[in-house]
Amino acid sequence: MILIVITSIVWMTQSLQRIEIIVKFGQGLGVFMYLSLLIIPSLLAIIIPFALFGAAVFALHRLHTDSEIAVMFAAGVSRWRLAAPILLITLFGALATLYVNTDLMPRSYRILKQTVADIRADFASSVIRSGEFMTYIDGFTIYVDEARPGGQFVGLLVNDYRNKDDPKTYMAQKAVLRDTGAGPMLILKDGNIQRTDKETGVVDFIRFGELAVNISSFQN
């Protein structure tokens, strides 16, 4: 009971941090609950040892204050027999914590990260439409010939003048949207960067095989 109560309280606190998924990315309550459930294993890894320790101390304290321990010893109950239930529960808690730390928590964390990455990528992908020049933030315009499922694009033209002192134009044959720790990245492939020298007016072409452009500002 102690484990359930503590886990529920901490889970509710941590779940509130996932509200941004609904507000920021337009997701529903079902997605919010799913992401919230995925954080439970990480909570259990911390809560199980402390909850079992607290329960054992509480049980021993009650037995001592009610003189139950003295009665058991008087009836011939050995120390080992008295400690056996606590040791068994401790062993169960240790095995449960080991399983959570080595399997359940890493697996749920990978699923959580992948789910959030998919949500962020789908959101950014949804604002990029085929055959249109789209300006979603000041200083960033993008055009794609074809938008494909899974955040894939063909034929891109990106005009990035967010930095007024260093405007750039990107052209790429294809691109894919990926989520990273820094936010969604548009990975351009087989293209070039065009920069204009302000002093000479000469346009420099720099070819690249693969280049990442941060588009996390699309989420704001």
C-alpha atoms as a PDB file:
ATOM      1  CA  MET A   1       0.000   0.000   0.000  1.00  0.00           C
ATOM      2  CA  ILE A   2       2.836   2.377   0.897  1.00  0.00           C
ATOM      3  CA  LEU A   3       4.516   1.625  -2.431  1.00  0.00           C
ATOM      4  CA  ILE A   4       1.309   2.316  -4.365  1.00  0.00           C
ATOM      5  CA  VAL A   5       0.598   5.583  -2.544  1.00  0.00           C
ATOM      6  CA  ILE A   6       4.130   6.964  -2.907  1.00  0.00           C
ATOM      7  CA  THR A   7       4.360   5.902  -6.554  1.00  0.00           C
ATOM      8  CA  SER A   8       0.999   7.518  -7.314  1.00  0.00           C
ATOM      9  CA  ILE A   9       1.992  10.825  -5.727  1.00  0.00           C
ATOM     10  CA  VAL A  10       5.360  11.021  -7.488  1.00  0.00           C
ATOM     11  CA  TRP A  11       3.815   9.807 -10.758  1.00  0.00           C
ATOM     12  CA  MET A  12       1.201  12.565 -10.710  1.00  0.00           C
ATOM     13  CA  THR A  13       3.908  15.158 -10.073  1.00  0.00           C
ATOM     14  CA  GLN A  14       6.074  13.896 -12.933  1.00  0.00           C
ATOM     15  CA  SER A  15       3.094  13.522 -15.269  1.00  0.00           C
ATOM     16  CA  LEU A  16       2.349  17.234 -15.069  1.00  0.00           C
ATOM     17  CA  GLN A  17       5.610  17.824 -16.938  1.00  0.00           C
ATOM     18  CA  ARG A  18       4.104  15.994 -19.931  1.00  0.00           C
ATOM     19  CA  ILE A  19       1.237  18.469 -20.307  1.00  0.00           C
ATOM     20  CA  GLU A  20       3.365  20.370 -22.828  1.00  0.00           C
ATOM     21  CA  ILE A  21       2.871  17.443 -25.216  1.00  0.00           C
ATOM     22  CA  ILE A  22      -0.842  18.279 -25.331  1.00  0.00           C
ATOM     23  CA  VAL A  23      -0.457  22.060 -25.395  1.00  0.00           C
ATOM     24  CA  LYS A  24       2.629  22.430 -27.579  1.00  0.00           C
ATOM     25  CA  PHE A  25       2.198  19.592 -30.048  1.00  0.00           C
ATOM     26  CA  GLY A  26      -1.589  19.300 -30.172  1.00  0.00           C
ATOM     27  CA  GLN A  27      -1.742  15.739 -28.821  1.00  0.00           C
ATOM     28  CA  GLY A  28      -4.700  14.149 -27.058  1.00  0.00           C
ATOM     29  CA  LEU A  29      -5.260  12.875 -23.548  1.00  0.00           C
ATOM     30  CA  GLY A  30      -4.518   9.297 -24.636  1.00  0.00           C
ATOM     31  CA  VAL A  31      -0.972  10.227 -25.687  1.00  0.00           C
ATOM     32  CA  PHE A  32      -0.487  12.130 -22.428  1.00  0.00           C
ATOM     33  CA  MET A  33      -1.537   9.103 -20.369  1.00  0.00           C
ATOM     34  CA  TYR A  34       0.638   6.763 -22.447  1.00  0.00           C
ATOM     35  CA  LEU A  35       3.732   8.927 -21.922  1.00  0.00           C
ATOM     36  CA  SER A  36       2.914   9.258 -18.229  1.00  0.00           C
ATOM     37  CA  LEU A  37       2.727   5.469 -17.831  1.00  0.00           C
ATOM     38  CA  LEU A  38       6.150   5.091 -19.436  1.00  0.00           C
ATOM     39  CA  ILE A  39       7.804   7.028 -16.602  1.00  0.00           C
ATOM     40  CA  ILE A  40       6.523   4.664 -13.896  1.00  0.00           C
ATOM     41  CA  PRO A  41       9.465   2.181 -14.168  1.00  0.00           C
ATOM     42  CA  SER A  42      11.989   4.957 -13.478  1.00  0.00           C
ATOM     43  CA  LEU A  43      10.000   5.908 -10.379  1.00  0.00           C
ATOM     44  CA  LEU A  44       9.774   2.312  -9.158  1.00  0.00           C
ATOM     45  CA  ALA A  45      13.552   1.917  -9.294  1.00  0.00           C
ATOM     46  CA  ILE A  46      13.861   4.654  -6.671  1.00  0.00           C
ATOM     47  CA  ILE A  47      10.699   4.116  -4.645  1.00  0.00           C
ATOM     48  CA  ILE A  48      10.759   0.311  -4.131  1.00  0.00           C
ATOM     49  CA  PRO A  49      13.838   0.196  -1.824  1.00  0.00           C
ATOM     50  CA  PHE A  50      12.701   3.143   0.305  1.00  0.00           C
ATOM     51  CA  ALA A  51       9.091   1.943   0.485  1.00  0.00           C
ATOM     52  CA  LEU A  52      10.102  -1.564   1.604  1.00  0.00           C
ATOM     53  CA  PHE A  53      12.552  -0.167   4.142  1.00  0.00           C
ATOM     54  CA  GLY A  54       9.889   2.132   5.564  1.00  0.00           C
ATOM     55  CA  ALA A  55       7.337  -0.689   5.693  1.00  0.00           C
ATOM     56  CA  ALA A  56       9.787  -3.006   7.497  1.00  0.00           C
ATOM     57  CA  VAL A  57      10.710  -0.360  10.068  1.00  0.00           C
ATOM     58  CA  PHE A  58       7.035   0.469  10.642  1.00  0.00           C
ATOM     59  CA  ALA A  59       6.107  -3.206  11.102  1.00  0.00           C
ATOM     60  CA  LEU A  60       8.944  -3.843  13.556  1.00  0.00           C
ATOM     61  CA  HIS A  61       8.068  -0.700  15.478  1.00  0.00           C
ATOM     62  CA  ARG A  62       4.438  -1.787  15.826  1.00  0.00           C
ATOM     63  CA  LEU A  63       5.471  -5.261  16.961  1.00  0.00           C
ATOM     64  CA  HIS A  64       7.809  -3.743  19.520  1.00  0.00           C
ATOM     65  CA  THR A  65       5.348  -1.179  20.914  1.00  0.00           C
ATOM     66  CA  ASP A  66       2.593  -3.797  21.156  1.00  0.00           C
ATOM     67  CA  SER A  67       5.013  -6.189  22.892  1.00  0.00           C
ATOM     68  CA  GLU A  68       4.382  -8.747  20.160  1.00  0.00           C
ATOM     69  CA  ILE A  69       8.093  -9.436  19.780  1.00  0.00           C
ATOM     70  CA  ALA A  70       8.445 -10.267  23.474  1.00  0.00           C
ATOM     71  CA  VAL A  71       5.448 -12.593  23.252  1.00  0.00           C
ATOM     72  CA  MET A  72       6.949 -14.368  20.221  1.00  0.00           C
ATOM     73  CA  PHE A  73      10.273 -14.883  21.975  1.00  0.00           C
ATOM     74  CA  ALA A  74       8.459 -16.177  25.060  1.00  0.00           C
ATOM     75  CA  ALA A  75       6.599 -18.636  22.839  1.00  0.00           C
ATOM     76  CA  GLY A  76       9.897 -19.963  21.519  1.00  0.00           C
ATOM     77  CA  VAL A  77      10.017 -18.138  18.177  1.00  0.00           C
ATOM     78  CA  SER A  78      13.641 -17.779  17.110  1.00  0.00           C
ATOM     79  CA  ARG A  79      15.203 -14.563  15.810  1.00  0.00           C
ATOM     80  CA  TRP A  80      15.663 -16.201  12.428  1.00  0.00           C
ATOM     81  CA  ARG A  81      11.991 -17.117  12.161  1.00  0.00           C
ATOM     82  CA  LEU A  82      11.029 -13.571  13.154  1.00  0.00           C
ATOM     83  CA  ALA A  83      13.380 -12.059  10.585  1.00  0.00           C
ATOM     84  CA  ALA A  84      12.513 -14.528   7.802  1.00  0.00           C
ATOM     85  CA  PRO A  85       9.445 -12.631   6.441  1.00  0.00           C
ATOM     86  CA  ILE A  86      11.391  -9.366   6.331  1.00  0.00           C
ATOM     87  CA  LEU A  87      14.323 -11.056   4.590  1.00  0.00           C
ATOM     88  CA  LEU A  88      11.993 -12.631   2.029  1.00  0.00           C
ATOM     89  CA  ILE A  89      10.344  -9.295   1.301  1.00  0.00           C
ATOM     90  CA  THR A  90      13.788  -7.689   1.043  1.00  0.00           C
ATOM     91  CA  LEU A  91      14.897 -10.368  -1.419  1.00  0.00           C
ATOM     92  CA  PHE A  92      11.749  -9.851  -3.477  1.00  0.00           C
ATOM     93  CA  GLY A  93      12.321  -6.083  -3.463  1.00  0.00           C
ATOM     94  CA  ALA A  94      15.947  -6.525  -4.541  1.00  0.00           C
ATOM     95  CA  LEU A  95      14.974  -8.818  -7.423  1.00  0.00           C
ATOM     96  CA  ALA A  96      12.173  -6.469  -8.478  1.00  0.00           C
ATOM     97  CA  THR A  97      14.529  -3.472  -8.398  1.00  0.00           C
ATOM     98  CA  LEU A  98      17.156  -5.416 -10.369  1.00  0.00           C
ATOM     99  CA  TYR A  99      14.594  -6.278 -13.047  1.00  0.00           C
ATOM    100  CA  VAL A 100      13.363  -2.690 -13.233  1.00  0.00           C
ATOM    101  CA  ASN A 101      16.892  -1.256 -13.503  1.00  0.00           C
ATOM    102  CA  THR A 102      18.265  -3.751 -16.023  1.00  0.00           C
ATOM    103  CA  ASP A 103      15.275  -4.328 -18.292  1.00  0.00           C
ATOM    104  CA  LEU A 104      12.008  -2.515 -17.669  1.00  0.00           C
ATOM    105  CA  MET A 105      13.349   1.008 -17.116  1.00  0.00           C
ATOM    106  CA  PRO A 106      15.775   1.082 -20.096  1.00  0.00           C
ATOM    107  CA  ARG A 107      13.090  -0.375 -22.370  1.00  0.00           C
ATOM    108  CA  SER A 108      10.420   2.097 -21.285  1.00  0.00           C
ATOM    109  CA  TYR A 109      12.890   4.985 -21.557  1.00  0.00           C
ATOM    110  CA  ARG A 110      13.735   4.051 -25.151  1.00  0.00           C
ATOM    111  CA  ILE A 111      10.042   3.850 -26.015  1.00  0.00           C
ATOM    112  CA  LEU A 112       9.406   7.200 -24.318  1.00  0.00           C
ATOM    113  CA  LYS A 113      12.196   8.943 -26.200  1.00  0.00           C
ATOM    114  CA  GLN A 114      11.149   7.428 -29.515  1.00  0.00           C
ATOM    115  CA  THR A 115       7.499   8.373 -28.970  1.00  0.00           C
ATOM    116  CA  VAL A 116       8.373  11.975 -28.102  1.00  0.00           C
ATOM    117  CA  ALA A 117      10.732  12.123 -31.086  1.00  0.00           C
ATOM    118  CA  ASP A 118       7.976  10.879 -33.396  1.00  0.00           C
ATOM    119  CA  ILE A 119       5.516  13.430 -32.008  1.00  0.00           C
ATOM    120  CA  ARG A 120       7.945  16.299 -32.477  1.00  0.00           C
ATOM    121  CA  ALA A 121       8.944  15.144 -35.955  1.00  0.00           C
ATOM    122  CA  ASP A 122       5.323  14.677 -37.030  1.00  0.00           C
ATOM    123  CA  PHE A 123       4.470  18.144 -35.754  1.00  0.00           C
ATOM    124  CA  ALA A 124       7.323  19.797 -37.633  1.00  0.00           C
ATOM    125  CA  SER A 125       6.601  17.688 -40.703  1.00  0.00           C
ATOM    126  CA  SER A 126       2.933  18.667 -40.690  1.00  0.00           C
ATOM    127  CA  VAL A 127       3.752  22.351 -41.120  1.00  0.00           C
ATOM    128  CA  ILE A 128       5.828  21.728 -44.266  1.00  0.00           C
ATOM    129  CA  ARG A 129       3.612  21.288 -47.334  1.00  0.00           C
ATOM    130  CA  SER A 130       4.489  20.354 -50.902  1.00  0.00           C
ATOM    131  CA  GLY A 131       4.701  22.987 -53.624  1.00  0.00           C
ATOM    132  CA  GLU A 132       4.415  26.031 -51.359  1.00  0.00           C
ATOM    133  CA  PHE A 133       6.828  28.624 -50.057  1.00  0.00           C
ATOM    134  CA  MET A 134       6.199  28.509 -46.322  1.00  0.00           C
ATOM    135  CA  THR A 135       7.435  31.130 -43.858  1.00  0.00           C
ATOM    136  CA  TYR A 136       6.602  29.991 -40.333  1.00  0.00           C
ATOM    137  CA  ILE A 137       9.094  32.084 -38.421  1.00  0.00           C
ATOM    138  CA  ASP A 138      10.706  35.397 -39.180  1.00  0.00           C
ATOM    139  CA  GLY A 139      13.706  34.871 -41.405  1.00  0.00           C
ATOM    140  CA  PHE A 140      13.136  31.256 -42.428  1.00  0.00           C
ATOM    141  CA  THR A 141      11.390  30.227 -45.651  1.00  0.00           C
ATOM    142  CA  ILE A 142      11.226  26.688 -46.993  1.00  0.00           C
ATOM    143  CA  TYR A 143       9.946  25.121 -50.200  1.00  0.00           C
ATOM    144  CA  VAL A 144       9.690  21.407 -50.999  1.00  0.00           C
ATOM    145  CA  ASP A 145       8.695  19.724 -54.238  1.00  0.00           C
ATOM    146  CA  GLU A 146       7.297  16.673 -52.476  1.00  0.00           C
ATOM    147  CA  ALA A 147       6.597  15.828 -48.840  1.00  0.00           C
ATOM    148  CA  ARG A 148       6.555  12.092 -48.132  1.00  0.00           C
ATOM    149  CA  PRO A 149       5.433  10.090 -45.081  1.00  0.00           C
ATOM    150  CA  GLY A 150       7.874   9.714 -42.220  1.00  0.00           C
ATOM    151  CA  GLY A 151       9.254  13.251 -42.443  1.00  0.00           C
ATOM    152  CA  GLN A 152      10.946  12.736 -45.819  1.00  0.00           C
ATOM    153  CA  PHE A 153      11.153  15.456 -48.457  1.00  0.00           C
ATOM    154  CA  VAL A 154      12.332  15.700 -52.057  1.00  0.00           C
ATOM    155  CA  GLY A 155      13.597  18.859 -53.764  1.00  0.00           C
ATOM    156  CA  LEU A 156      14.217  21.498 -51.099  1.00  0.00           C
ATOM    157  CA  LEU A 157      14.958  25.192 -51.173  1.00  0.00           C
ATOM    158  CA  VAL A 158      15.586  26.835 -47.797  1.00  0.00           C
ATOM    159  CA  ASN A 159      16.177  30.556 -47.369  1.00  0.00           C
ATOM    160  CA  ASP A 160      17.609  31.142 -43.905  1.00  0.00           C
ATOM    161  CA  TYR A 161      18.133  34.798 -43.037  1.00  0.00           C
ATOM    162  CA  ARG A 162      17.524  34.554 -39.283  1.00  0.00           C
ATOM    163  CA  ASN A 163      21.071  35.853 -38.910  1.00  0.00           C
ATOM    164  CA  LYS A 164      20.956  39.137 -40.825  1.00  0.00           C
ATOM    165  CA  ASP A 165      24.742  39.266 -41.011  1.00  0.00           C
ATOM    166  CA  ASP A 166      25.042  35.813 -42.555  1.00  0.00           C
ATOM    167  CA  PRO A 167      22.008  34.923 -44.713  1.00  0.00           C
ATOM    168  CA  LYS A 168      22.147  31.548 -46.440  1.00  0.00           C
ATOM    169  CA  THR A 169      20.240  29.691 -49.110  1.00  0.00           C
ATOM    170  CA  TYR A 170      20.222  25.899 -49.026  1.00  0.00           C
ATOM    171  CA  MET A 171      19.329  23.648 -51.925  1.00  0.00           C
ATOM    172  CA  ALA A 172      19.116  19.878 -51.541  1.00  0.00           C
ATOM    173  CA  GLN A 173      17.872  16.928 -53.558  1.00  0.00           C
ATOM    174  CA  LYS A 174      16.288  15.321 -50.519  1.00  0.00           C
ATOM    175  CA  ALA A 175      15.950  15.676 -46.767  1.00  0.00           C
ATOM    176  CA  VAL A 176      14.677  13.842 -43.727  1.00  0.00           C
ATOM    177  CA  LEU A 177      13.354  15.183 -40.443  1.00  0.00           C
ATOM    178  CA  ARG A 178      15.010  13.800 -37.311  1.00  0.00           C
ATOM    179  CA  ASP A 179      14.636  14.596 -33.645  1.00  0.00           C
ATOM    180  CA  THR A 180      17.741  15.294 -31.573  1.00  0.00           C
ATOM    181  CA  GLY A 181      18.512  16.616 -28.132  1.00  0.00           C
ATOM    182  CA  ALA A 182      18.670  20.104 -29.651  1.00  0.00           C
ATOM    183  CA  GLY A 183      15.224  19.726 -31.216  1.00  0.00           C
ATOM    184  CA  PRO A 184      13.998  18.713 -34.692  1.00  0.00           C
ATOM    185  CA  MET A 185      16.698  18.808 -37.347  1.00  0.00           C
ATOM    186  CA  LEU A 186      16.168  18.935 -41.092  1.00  0.00           C
ATOM    187  CA  ILE A 187      18.923  16.717 -42.497  1.00  0.00           C
ATOM    188  CA  LEU A 188      19.668  17.980 -46.010  1.00  0.00           C
ATOM    189  CA  LYS A 189      21.367  15.580 -48.414  1.00  0.00           C
ATOM    190  CA  ASP A 190      23.220  16.143 -51.697  1.00  0.00           C
ATOM    191  CA  GLY A 191      22.981  19.896 -52.012  1.00  0.00           C
ATOM    192  CA  ASN A 192      24.745  23.215 -51.679  1.00  0.00           C
ATOM    193  CA  ILE A 193      24.848  26.373 -49.583  1.00  0.00           C
ATOM    194  CA  GLN A 194      24.803  29.774 -51.265  1.00  0.00           C
ATOM    195  CA  ARG A 195      26.265  32.750 -49.438  1.00  0.00           C
ATOM    196  CA  THR A 196      26.626  36.290 -50.741  1.00  0.00           C
ATOM    197  CA  ASP A 197      29.665  38.319 -49.730  1.00  0.00           C
ATOM    198  CA  LYS A 198      28.334  41.711 -48.617  1.00  0.00           C
ATOM    199  CA  GLU A 199      31.481  43.550 -49.658  1.00  0.00           C
ATOM    200  CA  THR A 200      32.045  42.050 -53.102  1.00  0.00           C
ATOM    201  CA  GLY A 201      28.568  40.757 -53.923  1.00  0.00           C
ATOM    202  CA  VAL A 202      30.107  37.448 -54.990  1.00  0.00           C
ATOM    203  CA  VAL A 203      27.973  34.365 -54.359  1.00  0.00           C
ATOM    204  CA  ASP A 204      29.875  31.444 -52.857  1.00  0.00           C
ATOM    205  CA  PHE A 205      28.671  27.890 -53.474  1.00  0.00           C
ATOM    206  CA  ILE A 206      29.563  25.219 -50.950  1.00  0.00           C
ATOM    207  CA  ARG A 207      28.546  21.684 -51.790  1.00  0.00           C
ATOM    208  CA  PHE A 208      27.715  19.138 -49.102  1.00  0.00           C
ATOM    209  CA  GLY A 209      26.741  15.504 -48.842  1.00  0.00           C
ATOM    210  CA  GLU A 210      24.775  15.933 -45.636  1.00  0.00           C
ATOM    211  CA  LEU A 211      23.962  18.968 -43.523  1.00  0.00           C
ATOM    212  CA  ALA A 212      21.728  19.497 -40.467  1.00  0.00           C
ATOM    213  CA  VAL A 213      19.524  22.593 -40.128  1.00  0.00           C
ATOM    214  CA  ASN A 214      17.835  23.256 -36.785  1.00  0.00           C
ATOM    215  CA  ILE A 215      14.108  23.954 -37.180  1.00  0.00           C
ATOM    216  CA  SER A 216      13.100  23.754 -33.521  1.00  0.00           C
ATOM    217  CA  SER A 217      11.756  27.308 -33.817  1.00  0.00           C
ATOM    218  CA  PHE A 218       8.799  25.856 -35.766  1.00  0.00           C
ATOM    219  CA  GLN A 219       7.417  24.626 -32.441  1.00  0.00           C
ATOM    220  CA  ASN A 220       7.169  28.065 -30.871  1.00  0.00           C
END
